[in-house]
Structures are given as C-alpha cells and as structure tokens.
C-alpha cells in the first residue's frame, strides 16, 4: 500500500483554510504587473502571473515569477487586487500568506516577496529558506 506524501495530505486542508490569504498583491505590484503584462503582449483580464518556488539562490530556495497564458493540471488559481495568479501544487505550501510587492527604490527596482514562512532570506530578497 502506497503512503501519500505530506503534500497530498495537507494541500486539501490548506486550500480550504487559507485560500483567501494565499498571495496578496500590493497596489504598486499590481500597477507594475499590469504594465509589464501589456508590454509583453499578455492580457491581464485573461492571462496569469505564474508564481513558484525552485531550488537555488544563496539561501536555498528562490522565487520564480513569469507571465503565462494557460493553467497546467494541478495549478491553484488565486486572484487578488485584480491580478490572477497561478501556483503549482509544490510551490503552494511555501507561498501561503505571501505578499507580492514592487520596489522602485535606489537599491534597485523589482518585485519583492514578503513571505511569512521564510526563516531566513538573502540580502537581495530573491531567495529564502524555511
């Protein structure tokens, strides 16, 4: 008998419990996302921002953000502040409660992930560990 992984056991519970707090999008991030989507030929009313987590970066895990025209089987779909976000099942557990922000400051412009699950982040904010 095959024993299900923890991911498969907890995802349904987390989906029902935390669906409203999955990923928040700040006003500045929303403005920048909509601008960049249109510049890249994406339609913000139909297309998605794909957010994920992958191995790498100086803290062990790094964020991945790109635009996508379609969903993949198993994707979780969320919408906040008029931005449609898709997240793969594996990344879902790492991103609960995260806020996507945009910083245009002197230290460099770019998207910033404020992730309450991260125990440690690198100086640039692009990677983290749990």
C-alpha atoms as a PDB file:
ATOM      1  CA  UNK A   1       0.000   0.000   0.000  1.00  0.00           C
ATOM      2  CA  UNK A   2       1.385   3.366  -1.011  1.00  0.00           C
ATOM      3  CA  UNK A   3       1.539   6.023   1.700  1.00  0.00           C
ATOM      4  CA  UNK A   4       0.585   9.513   0.437  1.00  0.00           C
ATOM      5  CA  UNK A   5       3.145  12.264   0.858  1.00  0.00           C
ATOM      6  CA  UNK A   6       2.544  15.050   3.362  1.00  0.00           C
ATOM      7  CA  UNK A   7       1.926  17.442   0.476  1.00  0.00           C
ATOM      8  CA  UNK A   8      -1.022  15.365  -0.716  1.00  0.00           C
ATOM      9  CA  UNK A   9      -2.467  15.089   2.786  1.00  0.00           C
ATOM     10  CA  UNK A  10      -2.275  18.770   3.743  1.00  0.00           C
ATOM     11  CA  UNK A  11      -2.995  20.563   0.463  1.00  0.00           C
ATOM     12  CA  UNK A  12      -6.790  19.995   0.548  1.00  0.00           C
ATOM     13  CA  UNK A  13      -6.907  21.266   4.150  1.00  0.00           C
ATOM     14  CA  UNK A  14      -4.759  24.277   3.348  1.00  0.00           C
ATOM     15  CA  UNK A  15      -6.791  25.088   0.263  1.00  0.00           C
ATOM     16  CA  UNK A  16      -9.980  25.329   2.278  1.00  0.00           C
ATOM     17  CA  UNK A  17      -8.384  27.070   5.263  1.00  0.00           C
ATOM     18  CA  UNK A  18      -6.050  29.579   3.643  1.00  0.00           C
ATOM     19  CA  UNK A  19      -7.482  30.175   0.193  1.00  0.00           C
ATOM     20  CA  UNK A  20      -8.196  33.835   0.935  1.00  0.00           C
ATOM     21  CA  UNK A  21      -4.679  34.503   2.230  1.00  0.00           C
ATOM     22  CA  UNK A  22      -2.634  32.666  -0.376  1.00  0.00           C
ATOM     23  CA  UNK A  23      -0.860  35.522  -2.143  1.00  0.00           C
ATOM     24  CA  UNK A  24      -1.691  39.173  -1.732  1.00  0.00           C
ATOM     25  CA  UNK A  25      -0.725  41.782  -4.332  1.00  0.00           C
ATOM     26  CA  UNK A  26       0.093  45.329  -3.219  1.00  0.00           C
ATOM     27  CA  UNK A  27      -1.115  48.342  -5.206  1.00  0.00           C
ATOM     28  CA  UNK A  28       2.393  49.115  -6.504  1.00  0.00           C
ATOM     29  CA  UNK A  29       2.919  45.490  -7.564  1.00  0.00           C
ATOM     30  CA  UNK A  30      -0.479  45.456  -9.271  1.00  0.00           C
ATOM     31  CA  UNK A  31       0.345  48.563 -11.298  1.00  0.00           C
ATOM     32  CA  UNK A  32       3.704  47.179 -12.382  1.00  0.00           C
ATOM     33  CA  UNK A  33       2.325  43.700 -13.184  1.00  0.00           C
ATOM     34  CA  UNK A  34      -0.446  45.141 -15.358  1.00  0.00           C
ATOM     35  CA  UNK A  35       2.014  47.425 -17.156  1.00  0.00           C
ATOM     36  CA  UNK A  36       4.538  44.647 -17.817  1.00  0.00           C
ATOM     37  CA  UNK A  37       1.883  42.163 -18.917  1.00  0.00           C
ATOM     38  CA  UNK A  38       0.570  44.583 -21.515  1.00  0.00           C
ATOM     39  CA  UNK A  39       4.096  45.461 -22.702  1.00  0.00           C
ATOM     40  CA  UNK A  40       4.837  41.723 -23.147  1.00  0.00           C
ATOM     41  CA  UNK A  41       1.616  41.054 -25.101  1.00  0.00           C
ATOM     42  CA  UNK A  42      -0.377  39.451 -22.286  1.00  0.00           C
ATOM     43  CA  UNK A  43      -3.984  40.344 -21.460  1.00  0.00           C
ATOM     44  CA  UNK A  44      -4.362  40.920 -17.685  1.00  0.00           C
ATOM     45  CA  UNK A  45      -8.074  40.105 -17.897  1.00  0.00           C
ATOM     46  CA  UNK A  46      -7.381  36.593 -19.282  1.00  0.00           C
ATOM     47  CA  UNK A  47      -3.727  35.745 -18.605  1.00  0.00           C
ATOM     48  CA  UNK A  48      -1.905  34.892 -15.382  1.00  0.00           C
ATOM     49  CA  UNK A  49       1.085  35.678 -13.243  1.00  0.00           C
ATOM     50  CA  UNK A  50       2.762  32.340 -12.508  1.00  0.00           C
ATOM     51  CA  UNK A  51       4.493  32.320  -9.122  1.00  0.00           C
ATOM     52  CA  UNK A  52       6.622  29.423  -7.993  1.00  0.00           C
ATOM     53  CA  UNK A  53       9.493  28.280  -5.829  1.00  0.00           C
ATOM     54  CA  UNK A  54      12.556  26.468  -7.105  1.00  0.00           C
ATOM     55  CA  UNK A  55      15.862  25.248  -5.695  1.00  0.00           C
ATOM     56  CA  UNK A  56      18.649  27.774  -5.885  1.00  0.00           C
ATOM     57  CA  UNK A  57      19.736  31.149  -4.648  1.00  0.00           C
ATOM     58  CA  UNK A  58      22.059  31.905  -1.774  1.00  0.00           C
ATOM     59  CA  UNK A  59      19.502  30.841   0.862  1.00  0.00           C
ATOM     60  CA  UNK A  60      18.443  27.546  -0.766  1.00  0.00           C
ATOM     61  CA  UNK A  61      15.130  28.384  -2.437  1.00  0.00           C
ATOM     62  CA  UNK A  62      14.292  31.138  -4.890  1.00  0.00           C
ATOM     63  CA  UNK A  63      11.127  32.679  -6.246  1.00  0.00           C
ATOM     64  CA  UNK A  64      10.081  32.332  -9.856  1.00  0.00           C
ATOM     65  CA  UNK A  65       7.695  34.853 -11.407  1.00  0.00           C
ATOM     66  CA  UNK A  66       6.585  34.943 -15.040  1.00  0.00           C
ATOM     67  CA  UNK A  67       3.512  35.545 -17.176  1.00  0.00           C
ATOM     68  CA  UNK A  68       1.506  32.667 -18.594  1.00  0.00           C
ATOM     69  CA  UNK A  69      -1.461  32.300 -20.936  1.00  0.00           C
ATOM     70  CA  UNK A  70      -2.636  28.954 -19.586  1.00  0.00           C
ATOM     71  CA  UNK A  71      -3.015  26.848 -16.490  1.00  0.00           C
ATOM     72  CA  UNK A  72      -1.455  23.420 -16.008  1.00  0.00           C
ATOM     73  CA  UNK A  73      -3.223  20.470 -14.354  1.00  0.00           C
ATOM     74  CA  UNK A  74      -2.824  20.822 -10.603  1.00  0.00           C
ATOM     75  CA  UNK A  75      -2.324  24.605 -10.632  1.00  0.00           C
ATOM     76  CA  UNK A  76      -4.013  26.584  -7.895  1.00  0.00           C
ATOM     77  CA  UNK A  77      -5.700  29.765  -9.115  1.00  0.00           C
ATOM     78  CA  UNK A  78      -5.966  32.863  -6.930  1.00  0.00           C
ATOM     79  CA  UNK A  79      -6.915  36.451  -7.585  1.00  0.00           C
ATOM     80  CA  UNK A  80      -6.067  39.483  -5.515  1.00  0.00           C
ATOM     81  CA  UNK A  81      -6.310  43.159  -6.332  1.00  0.00           C
ATOM     82  CA  UNK A  82      -7.308  42.366  -9.923  1.00  0.00           C
ATOM     83  CA  UNK A  83      -4.283  40.135 -10.606  1.00  0.00           C
ATOM     84  CA  UNK A  84      -4.797  36.458 -11.496  1.00  0.00           C
ATOM     85  CA  UNK A  85      -2.116  34.243 -10.002  1.00  0.00           C
ATOM     86  CA  UNK A  86      -1.408  30.570 -10.677  1.00  0.00           C
ATOM     87  CA  UNK A  87       0.767  28.461  -8.394  1.00  0.00           C
ATOM     88  CA  UNK A  88       1.863  24.856  -8.878  1.00  0.00           C
ATOM     89  CA  UNK A  89       0.997  22.407  -6.100  1.00  0.00           C
ATOM     90  CA  UNK A  90       4.600  22.014  -4.952  1.00  0.00           C
ATOM     91  CA  UNK A  91       5.129  25.764  -4.520  1.00  0.00           C
ATOM     92  CA  UNK A  92       1.735  26.274  -2.873  1.00  0.00           C
ATOM     93  CA  UNK A  93       2.923  25.190   0.583  1.00  0.00           C
ATOM     94  CA  UNK A  94       5.876  27.603   0.535  1.00  0.00           C
ATOM     95  CA  UNK A  95       3.856  30.655  -0.502  1.00  0.00           C
ATOM     96  CA  UNK A  96       0.858  30.739   1.836  1.00  0.00           C
ATOM     97  CA  UNK A  97       0.412  34.264   3.188  1.00  0.00           C
ATOM     98  CA  UNK A  98       2.999  35.859   0.890  1.00  0.00           C
ATOM     99  CA  UNK A  99       2.556  39.432  -0.318  1.00  0.00           C
ATOM    100  CA  UNK A 100       3.925  40.412  -3.711  1.00  0.00           C
ATOM    101  CA  UNK A 101       5.241  43.963  -3.659  1.00  0.00           C
ATOM    102  CA  UNK A 102       7.184  46.149  -6.052  1.00  0.00           C
ATOM    103  CA  UNK A 103      10.068  48.367  -5.025  1.00  0.00           C
ATOM    104  CA  UNK A 104      11.409  51.062  -7.287  1.00  0.00           C
ATOM    105  CA  UNK A 105      13.999  52.392  -4.840  1.00  0.00           C
ATOM    106  CA  UNK A 106      17.642  53.360  -5.204  1.00  0.00           C
ATOM    107  CA  UNK A 107      18.796  49.857  -4.240  1.00  0.00           C
ATOM    108  CA  UNK A 108      17.259  48.508  -7.418  1.00  0.00           C
ATOM    109  CA  UNK A 109      13.800  48.113  -8.816  1.00  0.00           C
ATOM    110  CA  UNK A 110      11.969  44.832  -8.791  1.00  0.00           C
ATOM    111  CA  UNK A 111       9.356  42.591  -7.284  1.00  0.00           C
ATOM    112  CA  UNK A 112       9.728  41.647  -3.642  1.00  0.00           C
ATOM    113  CA  UNK A 113       8.137  38.649  -1.922  1.00  0.00           C
ATOM    114  CA  UNK A 114       7.232  39.226   1.720  1.00  0.00           C
ATOM    115  CA  UNK A 115       6.906  35.624   2.834  1.00  0.00           C
ATOM    116  CA  UNK A 116       5.934  34.947   6.481  1.00  0.00           C
ATOM    117  CA  UNK A 117       7.059  31.309   6.062  1.00  0.00           C
ATOM    118  CA  UNK A 118      10.698  32.216   5.377  1.00  0.00           C
ATOM    119  CA  UNK A 119      13.044  31.765   8.331  1.00  0.00           C
ATOM    120  CA  UNK A 120      15.967  33.328   6.517  1.00  0.00           C
ATOM    121  CA  UNK A 121      16.234  35.474   3.400  1.00  0.00           C
ATOM    122  CA  UNK A 122      19.219  36.694   1.465  1.00  0.00           C
ATOM    123  CA  UNK A 123      20.174  40.375   1.246  1.00  0.00           C
ATOM    124  CA  UNK A 124      18.590  40.826  -2.177  1.00  0.00           C
ATOM    125  CA  UNK A 125      15.293  39.207  -1.110  1.00  0.00           C
ATOM    126  CA  UNK A 126      15.240  36.808  -4.047  1.00  0.00           C
ATOM    127  CA  UNK A 127      15.900  33.627  -2.103  1.00  0.00           C
ATOM    128  CA  UNK A 128      14.879  32.155   1.228  1.00  0.00           C
ATOM    129  CA  UNK A 129      14.939  29.094   3.441  1.00  0.00           C
ATOM    130  CA  UNK A 130      12.398  27.535   5.773  1.00  0.00           C
END
